[in-house]
N, C-alpha and C. Protein backbone atom coordinates (compact mmCIF):
# COMPACT_ATOMS: atom_id res chain seq x y z
N MET A 1 28.43 18.41 -12.97
CA MET A 1 27.15 19.09 -12.77
C MET A 1 27.41 20.40 -12.12
N ASN A 2 26.80 21.44 -12.67
CA ASN A 2 27.06 22.80 -12.06
C ASN A 2 26.28 22.94 -10.83
N PRO A 3 26.67 23.87 -9.94
CA PRO A 3 26.09 24.04 -8.61
C PRO A 3 24.58 24.30 -8.60
N SER A 4 24.08 25.10 -9.54
CA SER A 4 22.61 25.32 -9.56
C SER A 4 21.84 24.06 -9.93
N ALA A 5 22.36 23.32 -10.87
CA ALA A 5 21.68 22.03 -11.24
C ALA A 5 21.78 21.04 -10.10
N LEU A 6 22.80 21.04 -9.35
CA LEU A 6 22.96 20.22 -8.22
C LEU A 6 21.96 20.58 -7.15
N GLU A 7 21.85 21.81 -6.87
CA GLU A 7 20.89 22.31 -5.87
C GLU A 7 19.46 21.94 -6.25
N ALA A 8 19.12 22.10 -7.53
CA ALA A 8 17.79 21.76 -8.01
C ALA A 8 17.54 20.25 -7.85
N ARG A 9 18.53 19.47 -8.12
CA ARG A 9 18.42 17.97 -7.95
C ARG A 9 18.22 17.63 -6.48
N ILE A 10 18.93 18.29 -5.61
CA ILE A 10 18.82 18.07 -4.16
C ILE A 10 17.38 18.44 -3.72
N GLU A 11 16.89 19.59 -4.14
CA GLU A 11 15.52 19.95 -3.76
C GLU A 11 14.47 18.90 -4.24
N LEU A 12 14.67 18.41 -5.47
CA LEU A 12 13.76 17.41 -6.00
C LEU A 12 13.82 16.16 -5.14
N LEU A 13 15.03 15.69 -4.83
CA LEU A 13 15.13 14.47 -3.98
C LEU A 13 14.57 14.63 -2.64
N GLU A 14 14.76 15.82 -1.97
CA GLU A 14 14.16 16.11 -0.74
C GLU A 14 12.63 16.07 -0.77
N SER A 15 12.11 16.63 -1.83
CA SER A 15 10.68 16.63 -2.00
C SER A 15 10.14 15.20 -2.15
N GLU A 16 10.77 14.40 -2.94
CA GLU A 16 10.39 13.02 -3.14
C GLU A 16 10.43 12.25 -1.78
N LEU A 17 11.46 12.53 -1.01
CA LEU A 17 11.63 11.87 0.23
C LEU A 17 10.54 12.23 1.22
N ARG A 18 10.19 13.50 1.23
CA ARG A 18 9.00 13.96 2.10
C ARG A 18 7.75 13.27 1.71
N GLU A 19 7.50 13.13 0.41
CA GLU A 19 6.29 12.47 -0.09
C GLU A 19 6.30 11.00 0.31
N ALA A 20 7.43 10.35 0.18
CA ALA A 20 7.54 8.93 0.59
C ALA A 20 7.38 8.71 2.01
N ARG A 21 7.86 9.62 2.88
CA ARG A 21 7.66 9.53 4.27
C ARG A 21 6.21 9.70 4.66
N ALA A 22 5.52 10.60 3.98
CA ALA A 22 4.07 10.84 4.24
C ALA A 22 3.27 9.64 3.84
N ARG A 23 3.61 8.94 2.73
CA ARG A 23 2.91 7.70 2.35
C ARG A 23 3.11 6.66 3.37
N LEU A 24 4.35 6.48 3.90
CA LEU A 24 4.56 5.43 4.85
C LEU A 24 3.89 5.68 6.17
N SER A 25 3.66 6.94 6.51
CA SER A 25 3.01 7.24 7.80
C SER A 25 1.49 7.14 7.67
N SER A 26 0.97 7.01 6.50
CA SER A 26 -0.49 6.93 6.26
C SER A 26 -0.99 5.58 6.64
N PRO A 27 -2.10 5.48 7.38
CA PRO A 27 -2.70 4.17 7.70
C PRO A 27 -3.34 3.46 6.42
N PHE A 28 -3.42 4.22 5.33
CA PHE A 28 -4.09 3.69 4.14
C PHE A 28 -3.13 3.33 3.06
N LEU A 29 -3.54 2.26 2.31
CA LEU A 29 -2.79 1.80 1.13
C LEU A 29 -3.67 1.82 -0.04
N THR A 30 -3.04 2.08 -1.20
CA THR A 30 -3.77 1.87 -2.48
C THR A 30 -3.84 0.37 -2.73
N ARG A 31 -4.60 -0.04 -3.71
CA ARG A 31 -4.61 -1.44 -4.16
C ARG A 31 -3.22 -1.97 -4.48
N LYS A 32 -2.45 -1.18 -5.24
CA LYS A 32 -1.08 -1.54 -5.62
C LYS A 32 -0.19 -1.70 -4.42
N GLU A 33 -0.23 -0.72 -3.49
CA GLU A 33 0.57 -0.75 -2.34
C GLU A 33 0.23 -1.95 -1.42
N ALA A 34 -1.11 -2.24 -1.34
CA ALA A 34 -1.56 -3.41 -0.61
C ALA A 34 -1.02 -4.69 -1.19
N ALA A 35 -0.90 -4.76 -2.54
CA ALA A 35 -0.37 -5.94 -3.16
C ALA A 35 1.07 -6.11 -2.73
N VAL A 36 1.83 -5.03 -2.78
CA VAL A 36 3.25 -5.06 -2.39
C VAL A 36 3.35 -5.50 -0.91
N PHE A 37 2.49 -4.87 -0.05
CA PHE A 37 2.51 -5.10 1.34
C PHE A 37 2.17 -6.62 1.67
N LEU A 38 1.29 -7.17 0.94
CA LEU A 38 0.81 -8.56 1.15
C LEU A 38 1.61 -9.56 0.31
N HIS A 39 2.47 -9.10 -0.53
CA HIS A 39 3.31 -9.95 -1.43
C HIS A 39 2.40 -10.77 -2.34
N CYS A 40 1.51 -10.10 -2.98
CA CYS A 40 0.60 -10.82 -3.92
C CYS A 40 0.33 -9.84 -5.10
N SER A 41 -0.53 -10.24 -6.03
CA SER A 41 -0.87 -9.42 -7.13
C SER A 41 -2.03 -8.49 -6.79
N VAL A 42 -2.16 -7.46 -7.69
CA VAL A 42 -3.28 -6.53 -7.49
C VAL A 42 -4.64 -7.32 -7.73
N ALA A 43 -4.56 -8.29 -8.64
CA ALA A 43 -5.73 -9.10 -8.92
C ALA A 43 -6.14 -9.87 -7.64
N MET A 44 -5.17 -10.34 -6.93
CA MET A 44 -5.50 -11.06 -5.68
C MET A 44 -6.10 -10.08 -4.67
N VAL A 45 -5.57 -8.84 -4.57
CA VAL A 45 -6.15 -7.87 -3.62
C VAL A 45 -7.56 -7.57 -4.02
N ASP A 46 -7.82 -7.38 -5.35
CA ASP A 46 -9.19 -7.18 -5.84
C ASP A 46 -10.09 -8.26 -5.46
N ASP A 47 -9.62 -9.53 -5.56
CA ASP A 47 -10.43 -10.66 -5.19
C ASP A 47 -10.77 -10.67 -3.71
N LEU A 48 -9.74 -10.34 -2.89
CA LEU A 48 -9.97 -10.26 -1.43
C LEU A 48 -10.96 -9.11 -1.10
N LEU A 49 -10.85 -7.99 -1.79
CA LEU A 49 -11.79 -6.91 -1.56
C LEU A 49 -13.21 -7.29 -1.96
N GLY A 50 -13.35 -7.98 -3.15
CA GLY A 50 -14.60 -8.40 -3.67
C GLY A 50 -15.32 -9.38 -2.80
N ARG A 51 -14.54 -10.28 -2.15
CA ARG A 51 -15.14 -11.29 -1.25
C ARG A 51 -15.28 -10.69 0.19
N GLY A 52 -14.89 -9.46 0.39
CA GLY A 52 -15.08 -8.89 1.70
C GLY A 52 -14.11 -9.35 2.80
N ILE A 53 -13.07 -10.01 2.33
CA ILE A 53 -12.01 -10.45 3.29
C ILE A 53 -11.27 -9.27 3.78
N ILE A 54 -10.99 -8.36 2.87
CA ILE A 54 -10.37 -7.05 3.24
C ILE A 54 -11.40 -6.00 3.07
N PRO A 55 -11.71 -5.20 4.10
CA PRO A 55 -12.64 -4.10 3.89
C PRO A 55 -12.05 -3.00 3.04
N LYS A 56 -12.89 -2.42 2.19
CA LYS A 56 -12.42 -1.22 1.35
C LYS A 56 -13.02 0.00 1.80
N HIS A 57 -12.33 1.08 1.60
CA HIS A 57 -12.76 2.40 1.94
C HIS A 57 -12.59 3.26 0.66
N ARG A 58 -13.57 4.11 0.41
CA ARG A 58 -13.49 4.90 -0.83
C ARG A 58 -13.21 6.37 -0.49
N LEU A 59 -12.36 6.94 -1.32
CA LEU A 59 -12.12 8.39 -1.28
C LEU A 59 -12.36 8.81 -2.76
N ALA A 60 -13.54 9.36 -3.00
CA ALA A 60 -13.99 9.69 -4.38
C ALA A 60 -13.98 8.41 -5.12
N SER A 61 -13.21 8.28 -6.21
CA SER A 61 -13.21 7.04 -7.02
C SER A 61 -12.05 6.12 -6.60
N MET A 62 -11.27 6.56 -5.63
CA MET A 62 -10.09 5.72 -5.24
C MET A 62 -10.49 4.73 -4.15
N VAL A 63 -10.01 3.51 -4.30
CA VAL A 63 -10.30 2.49 -3.30
C VAL A 63 -8.99 2.44 -2.36
N LEU A 64 -9.24 2.59 -1.11
CA LEU A 64 -8.23 2.55 -0.12
C LEU A 64 -8.37 1.43 0.85
N ILE A 65 -7.26 0.95 1.38
CA ILE A 65 -7.25 -0.22 2.32
C ILE A 65 -6.46 0.20 3.55
N ARG A 66 -7.07 -0.02 4.68
CA ARG A 66 -6.30 0.26 5.90
C ARG A 66 -5.25 -0.74 6.11
N ARG A 67 -4.03 -0.27 6.35
CA ARG A 67 -2.90 -1.20 6.58
C ARG A 67 -3.20 -2.29 7.65
N ASP A 68 -3.76 -1.85 8.76
CA ASP A 68 -3.98 -2.78 9.87
C ASP A 68 -5.07 -3.81 9.52
N GLU A 69 -6.12 -3.37 8.76
CA GLU A 69 -7.13 -4.28 8.37
C GLU A 69 -6.62 -5.32 7.31
N ALA A 70 -5.75 -4.91 6.46
CA ALA A 70 -5.10 -5.82 5.49
C ALA A 70 -4.33 -6.91 6.20
N GLU A 71 -3.53 -6.40 7.21
CA GLU A 71 -2.74 -7.32 7.95
C GLU A 71 -3.52 -8.30 8.74
N ALA A 72 -4.61 -7.84 9.41
CA ALA A 72 -5.49 -8.63 10.14
C ALA A 72 -6.25 -9.62 9.28
N ALA A 73 -6.62 -9.19 8.09
CA ALA A 73 -7.40 -10.07 7.17
C ALA A 73 -6.61 -11.32 6.72
N VAL A 74 -5.32 -11.18 6.56
CA VAL A 74 -4.51 -12.32 6.05
C VAL A 74 -4.28 -13.33 7.17
N THR A 75 -4.66 -13.05 8.36
CA THR A 75 -4.51 -14.04 9.46
C THR A 75 -5.79 -14.88 9.70
N THR A 76 -6.86 -14.47 9.00
CA THR A 76 -8.17 -15.18 9.21
C THR A 76 -8.21 -16.39 8.38
N GLU A 77 -9.09 -17.30 8.83
CA GLU A 77 -9.22 -18.58 8.06
C GLU A 77 -9.89 -18.34 6.67
N SER A 78 -10.61 -17.26 6.47
CA SER A 78 -11.28 -17.08 5.18
C SER A 78 -10.28 -16.56 4.14
N CYS A 79 -9.13 -16.20 4.59
CA CYS A 79 -8.07 -15.75 3.63
C CYS A 79 -7.37 -16.95 2.96
N PRO A 80 -7.05 -16.83 1.73
CA PRO A 80 -6.35 -17.86 0.95
C PRO A 80 -5.07 -18.27 1.74
N ALA A 81 -4.78 -19.63 1.84
CA ALA A 81 -3.69 -20.12 2.65
C ALA A 81 -2.33 -19.53 2.19
N ASN A 82 -2.19 -19.24 0.94
CA ASN A 82 -0.87 -18.76 0.41
C ASN A 82 -0.58 -17.32 0.92
N LEU A 83 -1.57 -16.62 1.42
CA LEU A 83 -1.36 -15.28 1.96
C LEU A 83 -1.22 -15.25 3.49
N ARG A 84 -1.56 -16.38 4.17
CA ARG A 84 -1.47 -16.41 5.58
C ARG A 84 0.01 -16.61 6.01
N PRO A 85 0.38 -15.97 7.11
CA PRO A 85 1.71 -16.12 7.59
C PRO A 85 1.97 -17.55 8.02
N ALA A 86 3.20 -18.06 7.90
CA ALA A 86 3.50 -19.38 8.38
C ALA A 86 3.30 -19.54 9.84
N ALA A 87 2.82 -20.68 10.28
CA ALA A 87 2.58 -20.85 11.73
C ALA A 87 3.84 -21.20 12.45
């Protein structure tokens, strides 16, 4: 790989790393990120949102979930047992 291509690749990777760090520092998750965070499917997240177990927040047409609210919701009795942490 020539030096200019290597520099371009490094810049791209640094940019991607900055974006990833910004996403991790955000208190909000997308539905897909919440599914990964909760170790379940997006359909299960949608079900939890629909039943009001996890509160949803809207930004234009995007549904966002607060990380702390998702974590708190899975510890409640109204949450499906397979998502609750082991006692």
